[in-house]
Protein backbone atom coordinates (compact mmCIF):
# COMPACT_ATOMS: atom_id res chain seq x y z
CA UNK A 1 -20.27 293.48 -174.96
CA UNK A 2 -20.41 292.40 -178.72
CA UNK A 3 -23.12 290.18 -180.38
CA UNK A 4 -24.15 289.88 -183.77
CA UNK A 5 -27.70 291.18 -184.18
CA UNK A 6 -30.37 290.26 -186.80
CA UNK A 7 -32.05 293.57 -187.63
CA UNK A 8 -34.48 292.54 -190.19
CA UNK A 9 -35.60 289.37 -192.14
CA UNK A 10 -33.95 288.09 -194.45
CA UNK A 11 -30.78 289.90 -193.57
CA UNK A 12 -27.14 289.57 -192.53
CA UNK A 13 -26.09 290.18 -188.99
CA UNK A 14 -24.51 293.63 -187.83
CA UNK A 15 -21.62 293.19 -185.14
CA UNK A 16 -22.91 295.72 -182.39
CA UNK A 17 -22.61 296.82 -178.40
CA UNK A 18 -25.34 294.88 -176.99
CA UNK A 19 -26.30 295.30 -172.87
CA UNK A 20 -26.90 292.45 -170.77
CA UNK A 21 -28.47 292.19 -167.45
CA UNK A 22 -27.50 290.65 -164.45
CA UNK A 23 -28.70 287.11 -163.80
CA UNK A 24 -31.94 286.93 -162.11
CA UNK A 25 -33.40 284.10 -159.81
CA UNK A 26 -32.70 280.77 -161.44
CA UNK A 27 -30.43 282.38 -164.26
CA UNK A 28 -26.81 282.12 -165.30
CA UNK A 29 -24.73 284.48 -166.80
CA UNK A 30 -22.00 282.77 -169.16
CA UNK A 31 -19.19 283.95 -170.34
CA UNK A 32 -18.83 282.38 -174.33
CA UNK A 33 -15.83 280.61 -175.44
CA UNK A 34 -17.42 279.12 -178.70
CA UNK A 35 -20.43 278.93 -180.60
CA UNK A 36 -20.91 276.82 -183.54
CA UNK A 37 -22.61 278.26 -186.67
CA UNK A 38 -25.90 276.22 -187.46
CA UNK A 39 -28.08 275.96 -190.70
CA UNK A 40 -30.92 276.51 -188.24
CA UNK A 41 -29.42 280.06 -187.77
CA UNK A 42 -29.62 280.85 -191.30
CA UNK A 43 -33.09 279.51 -191.55
CA UNK A 44 -34.13 282.10 -189.27
CA UNK A 45 -31.75 284.66 -191.05
CA UNK A 46 -33.73 283.66 -194.46
CA UNK A 47 -37.11 283.83 -193.19
CA UNK A 48 -37.93 280.11 -193.45
CA UNK A 49 -38.39 280.30 -189.72
CA UNK A 50 -40.02 283.39 -188.31
CA UNK A 51 -38.97 285.03 -185.12
CA UNK A 52 -38.99 288.98 -183.88
CA UNK A 53 -36.30 291.12 -184.54
CA UNK A 54 -33.98 292.89 -183.24
CA UNK A 55 -32.17 289.74 -182.17
CA UNK A 56 -29.01 287.79 -181.16
CA UNK A 57 -28.76 284.11 -182.97
CA UNK A 58 -26.84 281.50 -181.67
CA UNK A 59 -27.45 278.65 -180.33
CA UNK A 60 -24.91 275.96 -180.41
CA UNK A 61 -22.34 276.95 -177.76
CA UNK A 62 -20.59 276.60 -174.73
CA UNK A 63 -18.96 278.10 -172.19
CA UNK A 64 -17.49 279.12 -168.48
CA UNK A 65 -20.22 280.25 -165.70
CA UNK A 66 -19.50 284.00 -164.64
CA UNK A 67 -22.10 284.62 -162.02
CA UNK A 68 -25.58 283.08 -160.74
CA UNK A 69 -28.73 284.42 -159.80
CA UNK A 70 -30.62 283.15 -156.59
CA UNK A 71 -32.15 279.93 -156.12
CA UNK A 72 -29.34 278.26 -158.76
CA UNK A 73 -27.61 275.39 -156.85
CA UNK A 74 -26.75 273.35 -160.12
CA UNK A 75 -23.77 275.38 -161.10
CA UNK A 76 -21.31 277.96 -159.77
CA UNK A 77 -18.99 280.41 -161.20
CA UNK A 78 -15.73 278.57 -162.93
CA UNK A 79 -18.06 276.03 -164.26
CA UNK A 80 -17.79 274.86 -167.79
CA UNK A 81 -21.03 274.04 -169.43
CA UNK A 82 -22.46 273.48 -172.57
CA UNK A 83 -25.89 275.31 -173.27
CA UNK A 84 -28.94 273.71 -175.23
CA UNK A 85 -31.93 275.36 -176.75
CA UNK A 86 -34.22 271.95 -175.16
CA UNK A 87 -34.80 273.95 -172.19
CA UNK A 88 -36.77 272.50 -169.78
CA UNK A 89 -39.26 273.12 -167.13
CA UNK A 90 -39.08 269.85 -165.24
CA UNK A 91 -42.82 269.51 -163.94
CA UNK A 92 -44.72 269.34 -166.75
CA UNK A 93 -46.20 266.03 -168.85
CA UNK A 94 -43.80 265.81 -170.96
CA UNK A 95 -40.64 266.69 -169.26
CA UNK A 96 -42.40 263.93 -166.34
CA UNK A 97 -42.57 260.90 -168.89
CA UNK A 98 -38.78 261.44 -169.69
CA UNK A 99 -39.09 263.37 -172.53
CA UNK A 100 -37.71 267.03 -171.71
CA UNK A 101 -36.73 268.35 -175.49
CA UNK A 102 -40.70 268.59 -175.96
CA UNK A 103 -41.36 270.29 -172.77
CA UNK A 104 -44.59 271.87 -173.13
CA UNK A 105 -44.21 275.10 -170.83
CA UNK A 106 -40.70 276.27 -171.55
CA UNK A 107 -41.63 279.25 -173.35
CA UNK A 108 -43.74 280.76 -170.58
CA UNK A 109 -41.87 279.65 -167.70
CA UNK A 110 -37.96 279.86 -168.21
CA UNK A 111 -38.98 283.23 -170.27
CA UNK A 112 -38.68 286.71 -168.13
CA UNK A 113 -42.32 287.90 -167.08
CA UNK A 114 -43.56 291.10 -168.46
CA UNK A 115 -42.49 294.11 -166.44
CA UNK A 116 -39.17 292.60 -165.59
CA UNK A 117 -36.20 294.07 -167.45
CA UNK A 118 -35.22 292.33 -170.70
CA UNK A 119 -31.93 290.18 -170.52
CA UNK A 120 -31.06 291.78 -174.02
CA UNK A 121 -31.43 295.45 -174.81
CA UNK A 122 -29.56 298.16 -176.87
CA UNK A 123 -29.73 301.43 -176.14
CA UNK A 124 -32.80 301.17 -174.13
CA UNK A 125 -34.43 299.05 -176.84
CA UNK A 126 -35.64 295.19 -175.95
CA UNK A 127 -33.82 292.76 -178.09
CA UNK A 128 -35.42 289.52 -178.57
CA UNK A 129 -34.03 286.29 -176.74
CA UNK A 130 -33.27 283.78 -179.20
CA UNK A 131 -34.52 280.07 -178.50
CA UNK A 132 -33.48 280.62 -174.91
CA UNK A 133 -29.95 280.89 -175.35
CA UNK A 134 -28.46 283.66 -178.01
CA UNK A 135 -24.94 282.76 -178.13
CA UNK A 136 -23.54 284.91 -181.07
CA UNK A 137 -22.29 287.61 -178.33
CA UNK A 138 -19.26 287.56 -175.54
CA UNK A 139 -21.74 286.55 -173.01
CA UNK A 140 -25.38 284.61 -172.73
CA UNK A 141 -27.81 285.21 -169.71
CA UNK A 142 -29.72 282.16 -169.53
CA UNK A 143 -32.32 279.76 -167.15
CA UNK A 144 -30.21 277.05 -165.23
CA UNK A 145 -32.51 274.38 -167.20
CA UNK A 146 -30.74 275.24 -170.40
CA UNK A 147 -27.40 273.94 -169.68
CA UNK A 148 -25.35 271.17 -168.57
CA UNK A 149 -22.11 270.94 -166.49
CA UNK A 150 -19.42 269.32 -168.32
CA UNK A 151 -15.67 267.62 -167.76
CA UNK A 152 -13.15 270.59 -167.63
CA UNK A 153 -10.73 268.94 -169.96
CA UNK A 154 -13.15 269.35 -173.08
CA UNK A 155 -12.39 272.03 -175.68
CA UNK A 156 -14.63 274.31 -175.77
CA UNK A 157 -14.84 274.68 -180.03
CA UNK A 158 -15.57 270.59 -179.99
CA UNK A 159 -18.07 271.15 -176.38
CA UNK A 160 -20.04 273.65 -179.25
CA UNK A 161 -20.78 270.85 -181.48
CA UNK A 162 -22.47 269.02 -179.07
CA UNK A 163 -25.20 272.10 -178.01
CA UNK A 164 -26.71 270.92 -180.94
CA UNK A 165 -25.55 269.28 -183.83
CA UNK A 166 -24.04 266.52 -182.23
CA UNK A 167 -26.65 265.49 -179.86
CA UNK A 168 -29.33 265.88 -182.86
CA UNK A 169 -27.55 263.38 -184.75
CA UNK A 170 -26.49 261.06 -182.18
CA UNK A 171 -29.85 261.26 -180.53
CA UNK A 172 -31.87 260.92 -183.69
CA UNK A 173 -30.32 257.55 -184.11
CA UNK A 174 -30.00 256.49 -180.21
CA UNK A 175 -32.91 257.97 -178.69
CA UNK A 176 -35.66 258.49 -181.59
CA UNK A 177 -35.28 255.80 -183.75
CA UNK A 178 -33.29 253.56 -181.56
CA UNK A 179 -30.93 251.85 -184.42
CA UNK A 180 -30.34 248.34 -183.32
CA UNK A 181 -26.80 246.53 -183.66
CA UNK A 182 -26.18 244.87 -187.21
CA UNK A 183 -28.75 247.41 -188.89
CA UNK A 184 -28.40 248.84 -192.35
CA UNK A 185 -28.70 252.72 -191.85
CA UNK A 186 -28.93 255.14 -194.42
CA UNK A 187 -28.06 259.05 -193.84
CA UNK A 188 -29.21 261.66 -196.47
CA UNK A 189 -26.89 265.01 -196.09
CA UNK A 190 -23.59 264.67 -194.85
CA UNK A 191 -23.21 268.30 -192.78
CA UNK A 192 -22.66 268.86 -189.40
CA UNK A 193 -26.02 266.89 -188.16
CA UNK A 194 -25.83 264.22 -190.84
CA UNK A 195 -22.13 263.40 -190.22
CA UNK A 196 -23.27 262.95 -186.31
CA UNK A 197 -25.72 260.76 -187.38
CA UNK A 198 -23.12 258.31 -189.55
CA UNK A 199 -21.50 258.37 -186.04
CA UNK A 200 -24.09 257.81 -183.90
CA UNK A 201 -25.11 254.54 -186.16
CA UNK A 202 -21.39 253.64 -185.68
CA UNK A 203 -21.45 253.37 -182.49
CA UNK A 204 -24.83 251.79 -182.02
CA UNK A 205 -22.92 248.71 -184.07
CA UNK A 206 -24.73 249.09 -187.72
CA UNK A 207 -23.05 246.94 -189.91
CA UNK A 208 -24.10 248.97 -193.07
CA UNK A 209 -23.94 253.00 -192.79
CA UNK A 210 -24.70 254.35 -195.99
CA UNK A 211 -24.00 258.13 -196.58
CA UNK A 212 -25.53 260.02 -199.19
CA UNK A 213 -24.62 263.84 -200.34
CA UNK A 214 -23.65 265.83 -203.52
CA UNK A 215 -20.71 267.33 -202.56
CA UNK A 216 -17.77 264.62 -202.60
CA UNK A 217 -15.53 266.26 -199.75
CA UNK A 218 -18.52 265.24 -197.49
CA UNK A 219 -18.66 261.92 -198.43
CA UNK A 220 -15.14 261.12 -197.96
CA UNK A 221 -15.46 262.84 -194.32
CA UNK A 222 -18.23 260.65 -193.49
CA UNK A 223 -16.23 257.42 -194.64
CA UNK A 224 -13.32 258.77 -192.10
CA UNK A 225 -16.56 259.07 -189.30
CA UNK A 226 -18.09 255.64 -190.09
CA UNK A 227 -19.76 255.69 -193.49
CA UNK A 228 -19.09 252.02 -195.08
CA UNK A 229 -20.73 252.96 -198.05
CA UNK A 230 -21.48 256.52 -200.06
CA UNK A 231 -23.81 257.37 -202.51
CA UNK A 232 -23.22 260.56 -204.60
CA UNK A 233 -26.77 261.94 -204.92
CA UNK A 234 -25.64 264.27 -208.13
CA UNK A 235 -24.41 261.36 -210.10
CA UNK A 236 -27.21 258.34 -209.27
CA UNK A 237 -30.97 258.46 -208.02
CA UNK A 238 -30.50 257.59 -204.09
CA UNK A 239 -33.20 255.89 -203.81
CA UNK A 240 -32.56 253.60 -206.77
CA UNK A 241 -28.71 253.03 -205.65
CA UNK A 242 -30.09 252.05 -201.93
CA UNK A 243 -32.68 249.42 -203.38
CA UNK A 244 -29.94 248.09 -205.55
CA UNK A 245 -27.59 247.93 -202.56
CA UNK A 246 -29.99 246.18 -200.54
CA UNK A 247 -31.49 243.90 -203.55
CA UNK A 248 -34.57 246.19 -203.55
CA UNK A 249 -35.79 245.30 -199.68
CA UNK A 250 -35.00 248.88 -198.61
CA UNK A 251 -33.11 249.71 -195.17
CA UNK A 252 -34.96 249.57 -191.41
CA UNK A 253 -33.61 253.22 -190.85
CA UNK A 254 -33.32 256.00 -192.99
CA UNK A 255 -32.35 259.55 -191.74
CA UNK A 256 -33.03 263.18 -193.39
CA UNK A 257 -30.37 265.50 -192.35
CA UNK A 258 -31.28 268.26 -195.20
CA UNK A 259 -34.38 269.82 -194.52
CA UNK A 260 -36.42 269.67 -197.55
CA UNK A 261 -39.09 268.24 -199.22
CA UNK A 262 -37.49 266.26 -201.68
CA UNK A 263 -35.28 264.51 -199.11
CA UNK A 264 -37.68 263.73 -196.76
CA UNK A 265 -39.39 261.97 -199.53
CA UNK A 266 -36.43 260.29 -200.49
CA UNK A 267 -35.52 258.66 -197.39
CA UNK A 268 -39.45 257.11 -196.94
CA UNK A 269 -39.14 255.79 -200.65
CA UNK A 270 -35.78 253.90 -199.48
CA UNK A 271 -37.48 252.38 -196.18
CA UNK A 272 -37.89 248.25 -196.36
CA UNK A 273 -41.19 246.78 -194.83
CA UNK A 274 -41.36 247.92 -190.91
CA UNK A 275 -38.66 250.63 -191.70
CA UNK A 276 -38.55 254.25 -190.23
CA UNK A 277 -37.61 257.38 -191.97
CA UNK A 278 -36.65 260.37 -189.38
CA UNK A 279 -36.80 263.68 -190.52
CA UNK A 280 -33.72 265.53 -188.61
CA UNK A 281 -33.30 268.89 -190.69
CA UNK A 282 -35.41 271.55 -190.30
CA UNK A 283 -37.93 271.90 -193.38
CA UNK A 284 -39.13 275.34 -193.88
CA UNK A 285 -42.67 276.29 -192.71
CA UNK A 286 -45.42 275.99 -195.24
CA UNK A 287 -43.93 273.22 -196.89
CA UNK A 288 -45.64 269.79 -197.09
CA UNK A 289 -44.31 266.21 -197.14
CA UNK A 290 -45.88 263.67 -199.17
CA UNK A 291 -46.04 259.87 -199.08
CA UNK A 292 -47.72 256.90 -201.27
CA UNK A 293 -50.45 256.16 -198.42
CA UNK A 294 -50.76 252.45 -199.72
CA UNK A 295 -47.07 251.81 -198.18
CA UNK A 296 -48.25 252.79 -194.61
CA UNK A 297 -49.90 249.12 -194.91
CA UNK A 298 -46.07 247.78 -194.58
CA UNK A 299 -45.68 249.65 -191.44
CA UNK A 300 -43.32 252.19 -192.54
CA UNK A 301 -42.93 255.42 -190.53
CA UNK A 302 -42.45 259.04 -191.24
CA UNK A 303 -41.33 260.64 -187.98
CA UNK A 304 -39.42 263.93 -186.75
CA UNK A 305 -36.76 264.45 -184.49
CA UNK A 306 -36.48 267.44 -181.99
CA UNK A 307 -33.10 267.71 -181.20
CA UNK A 308 -32.67 264.45 -181.23
CA UNK A 309 -35.18 263.72 -178.41
CA UNK A 310 -32.40 264.36 -176.29
CA UNK A 311 -32.25 264.28 -172.27
CA UNK A 312 -29.39 266.77 -172.59
CA UNK A 313 -28.37 266.69 -168.89
CA UNK A 314 -27.63 263.14 -168.90
CA UNK A 315 -27.03 262.76 -172.70
CA UNK A 316 -24.22 265.39 -173.50
CA UNK A 317 -21.70 264.57 -170.65
CA UNK A 318 -21.84 261.10 -171.82
CA UNK A 319 -21.32 262.56 -175.24
CA UNK A 320 -18.26 264.57 -173.95
CA UNK A 321 -16.80 261.06 -172.51
CA UNK A 322 -17.41 259.44 -175.89
CA UNK A 323 -15.25 262.40 -176.96
CA UNK A 324 -12.38 262.08 -174.78
CA UNK A 325 -12.04 258.32 -175.08
CA UNK A 326 -11.71 258.22 -178.75
CA UNK A 327 -14.93 257.13 -179.81
CA UNK A 328 -16.52 260.25 -181.07
CA UNK A 329 -14.59 262.34 -183.70
CA UNK A 330 -15.10 265.88 -183.78
CA UNK A 331 -11.69 267.02 -184.17
CA UNK A 332 -12.96 266.76 -187.72
CA UNK A 333 -16.39 267.75 -187.74
CA UNK A 334 -14.44 271.58 -186.85
CA UNK A 335 -14.04 272.75 -190.67
CA UNK A 336 -12.51 276.25 -189.60
CA UNK A 337 -12.71 278.37 -186.44
CA UNK A 338 -13.27 282.19 -187.33
CA UNK A 339 -14.18 285.40 -185.02
CA UNK A 340 -17.29 286.87 -184.66
CA UNK A 341 -16.69 289.80 -187.09
CA UNK A 342 -16.21 287.13 -189.31
CA UNK A 343 -19.73 285.76 -188.90
CA UNK A 344 -21.46 286.71 -192.06
CA UNK A 345 -18.33 285.27 -194.48
CA UNK A 346 -19.15 281.68 -192.25
CA UNK A 347 -22.72 281.68 -193.14
CA UNK A 348 -21.70 282.80 -197.00
CA UNK A 349 -19.34 279.61 -196.83
CA UNK A 350 -21.91 277.37 -195.54
CA UNK A 351 -24.43 278.14 -198.25
CA UNK A 352 -21.84 277.01 -200.52
CA UNK A 353 -22.50 273.59 -198.87
CA UNK A 354 -18.81 272.67 -198.64
CA UNK A 355 -18.06 273.07 -194.67
CA UNK A 356 -19.06 270.97 -192.06
CA UNK A 357 -19.11 273.53 -189.24
CA UNK A 358 -17.42 276.66 -188.78
CA UNK A 359 -17.15 277.66 -185.24
CA UNK A 360 -16.57 281.05 -183.69
CA UNK A 361 -13.74 281.21 -181.11
CA UNK A 362 -14.00 284.13 -178.50
């Protein structure tokens, strides 16, 4: 099969012929139908986050089940599925407490054991599996706890977005922060994840949804998706603008969807008493975040969100229903569809900051 292989870091992706194994116990072989380009993949390409090479990147995807291994009874050939990097074991302390997105065993129990052939290889050389998925390829071989069945009426290119960006943004609002109706919400960064957080705030019933970005086209799109106010951070101080908008009181919820030290600290500074700043973006390894310690007396919170604190087996089908009945807008978030051969150009466009999401359609 054809796959986009990362052979060195930093590096670009090479389209190569890769071998994929047959499904073993509790494994599922999927025909990849669509895969979104996520900024997280770019972090690994650039070395902000470490990963061994060679590897096939990609983690925001949807497809059709081709074959299942032994002991799989959740899906069968022909089912439509969304994959999720929040694979879970189902029996560790975190899973049993209702937090499968922070499963303690997924990196040991859901991978192939030493001595077994690799899921992916190239001319006899092992290729490292990426985040339990490796979806920049014509097929995926994954553990059954890394996918969810969905309604067959759902278009694959929109379903793929739910596999990461949409679930991360909506989940940060619904599950991590638990935004209350009538609240004021600020979202800093209007890429795919930030736009999903904007929609989550709208769906949750926030009275004011403030979108912050430095690209005017993204701010316009944020307004289409539910933002009631926008702030161009390239023209004004975003923190001061938020404080002025709230008569100096600050906001109860701020979401960081860029992944930088500066924007994370800005979100904390935007908070009012008892407020919560949720960092959704991937901040590079080694970067330290600073807050003014005395502000903690006001019971302000700075927290992270792992894939929107999701419970994806139940969350994603609900998000599909939200799209199909018109409450969740995904058509507007797909900036363009591309082929696998155009993947490097897609990441080049991502770096310009002018696209919400590019989606590979196989």
